Amino acid sequence: MVNKENCAIFIPTYKRANNVLTYKTVRDGGYTGKIYLIVGDDDTTADEYIKKYKDQVIVFHKDRNKTDLE
């Protein structure tokens, strides 16, 4: 059996903060583990993602090839 504490789902997304169907589908399917949304720093709706999903959002800085976690 997979330990959910050691697993996460990463969903790349762009300009659809109010309509992330993969997130909804996974949750509706019963997944209770961690989910992270990967958004680019050029996404003009990044603040909407952060407001809605809080610490589940990872911003990728394309010019540096790094995330906001590095």
C-alpha atoms as a PDB file:
ATOM      1  CA  MET A   1       0.000   0.000   0.000  1.00  0.00           C
ATOM      2  CA  VAL A   2       1.217   3.500  -0.814  1.00  0.00           C
ATOM      3  CA  ASN A   3       1.833   5.831   2.115  1.00  0.00           C
ATOM      4  CA  LYS A   4      -0.021   9.064   1.257  1.00  0.00           C
ATOM      5  CA  GLU A   5       2.416  11.059   3.380  1.00  0.00           C
ATOM      6  CA  ASN A   6       5.141  10.299   0.827  1.00  0.00           C
ATOM      7  CA  CYS A   7       3.063  10.995  -2.277  1.00  0.00           C
ATOM      8  CA  ALA A   8       1.751  14.069  -4.040  1.00  0.00           C
ATOM      9  CA  ILE A   9       0.089  14.984  -7.298  1.00  0.00           C
ATOM     10  CA  PHE A  10       1.533  17.848  -9.345  1.00  0.00           C
ATOM     11  CA  ILE A  11      -0.813  19.613 -11.766  1.00  0.00           C
ATOM     12  CA  PRO A  12       0.642  22.062 -14.289  1.00  0.00           C
ATOM     13  CA  THR A  13      -1.945  24.744 -14.943  1.00  0.00           C
ATOM     14  CA  TYR A  14      -2.273  28.077 -16.725  1.00  0.00           C
ATOM     15  CA  LYS A  15      -4.929  30.795 -16.475  1.00  0.00           C
ATOM     16  CA  ARG A  16      -7.709  28.634 -15.092  1.00  0.00           C
ATOM     17  CA  ALA A  17      -7.652  29.243 -11.347  1.00  0.00           C
ATOM     18  CA  ASN A  18     -11.416  28.879 -11.099  1.00  0.00           C
ATOM     19  CA  ASN A  19     -11.611  25.802 -13.298  1.00  0.00           C
ATOM     20  CA  VAL A  20      -8.852  23.289 -12.466  1.00  0.00           C
ATOM     21  CA  LEU A  21     -10.741  20.178 -13.561  1.00  0.00           C
ATOM     22  CA  THR A  22      -7.946  17.749 -12.717  1.00  0.00           C
ATOM     23  CA  TYR A  23      -7.888  18.970  -9.100  1.00  0.00           C
ATOM     24  CA  LYS A  24     -11.651  18.562  -8.812  1.00  0.00           C
ATOM     25  CA  THR A  25     -11.642  15.145 -10.472  1.00  0.00           C
ATOM     26  CA  VAL A  26      -8.893  13.797  -8.216  1.00  0.00           C
ATOM     27  CA  ARG A  27     -10.598  15.059  -5.054  1.00  0.00           C
ATOM     28  CA  ASP A  28     -14.005  13.791  -6.210  1.00  0.00           C
ATOM     29  CA  GLY A  29     -12.350  10.421  -6.820  1.00  0.00           C
ATOM     30  CA  GLY A  30     -11.451  10.197  -3.152  1.00  0.00           C
ATOM     31  CA  TYR A  31      -7.798  11.227  -3.157  1.00  0.00           C
ATOM     32  CA  THR A  32      -6.987  12.930   0.151  1.00  0.00           C
ATOM     33  CA  GLY A  33      -3.240  13.377  -0.254  1.00  0.00           C
ATOM     34  CA  LYS A  34      -1.236  16.431  -1.216  1.00  0.00           C
ATOM     35  CA  ILE A  35      -1.884  18.218  -4.490  1.00  0.00           C
ATOM     36  CA  TYR A  36       0.322  20.979  -5.847  1.00  0.00           C
ATOM     37  CA  LEU A  37      -0.545  23.307  -8.699  1.00  0.00           C
ATOM     38  CA  ILE A  38       2.412  24.433 -10.793  1.00  0.00           C
ATOM     39  CA  VAL A  39       1.932  27.900 -12.315  1.00  0.00           C
ATOM     40  CA  GLY A  40       4.365  29.981 -14.324  1.00  0.00           C
ATOM     41  CA  ASP A  41       5.461  33.403 -13.206  1.00  0.00           C
ATOM     42  CA  ASP A  42       4.039  34.731 -16.481  1.00  0.00           C
ATOM     43  CA  ASP A  43       0.504  33.603 -15.542  1.00  0.00           C
ATOM     44  CA  THR A  44      -1.485  36.768 -14.900  1.00  0.00           C
ATOM     45  CA  THR A  45      -3.906  34.763 -12.730  1.00  0.00           C
ATOM     46  CA  ALA A  46      -1.216  33.406 -10.354  1.00  0.00           C
ATOM     47  CA  ASP A  47      -2.552  35.538  -7.486  1.00  0.00           C
ATOM     48  CA  GLU A  48      -5.984  33.965  -7.947  1.00  0.00           C
ATOM     49  CA  TYR A  49      -4.446  30.487  -7.602  1.00  0.00           C
ATOM     50  CA  ILE A  50      -2.602  31.532  -4.450  1.00  0.00           C
ATOM     51  CA  LYS A  51      -5.733  33.078  -2.963  1.00  0.00           C
ATOM     52  CA  LYS A  52      -7.786  29.952  -3.628  1.00  0.00           C
ATOM     53  CA  TYR A  53      -5.241  27.142  -3.126  1.00  0.00           C
ATOM     54  CA  LYS A  54      -2.771  28.870  -0.754  1.00  0.00           C
ATOM     55  CA  ASP A  55       0.273  26.714   0.011  1.00  0.00           C
ATOM     56  CA  GLN A  56      -0.681  24.211  -2.687  1.00  0.00           C
ATOM     57  CA  VAL A  57       0.662  26.569  -5.376  1.00  0.00           C
ATOM     58  CA  ILE A  58       4.227  26.408  -6.636  1.00  0.00           C
ATOM     59  CA  VAL A  59       5.324  29.249  -8.909  1.00  0.00           C
ATOM     60  CA  PHE A  60       7.858  28.358 -11.576  1.00  0.00           C
ATOM     61  CA  HIS A  61      10.196  31.197 -12.536  1.00  0.00           C
ATOM     62  CA  LYS A  62      10.895  30.513 -16.193  1.00  0.00           C
ATOM     63  CA  ASP A  63      13.790  32.928 -16.582  1.00  0.00           C
ATOM     64  CA  ARG A  64      15.665  31.263 -13.707  1.00  0.00           C
ATOM     65  CA  ASN A  65      14.429  27.687 -14.284  1.00  0.00           C
ATOM     66  CA  LYS A  66      13.548  27.522 -10.587  1.00  0.00           C
ATOM     67  CA  THR A  67      10.475  27.459  -8.391  1.00  0.00           C
ATOM     68  CA  ASP A  68       9.640  29.780  -5.534  1.00  0.00           C
ATOM     69  CA  LEU A  69      10.709  26.934  -3.217  1.00  0.00           C
ATOM     70  CA  GLU A  70      14.360  27.217  -4.230  1.00  0.00           C
END
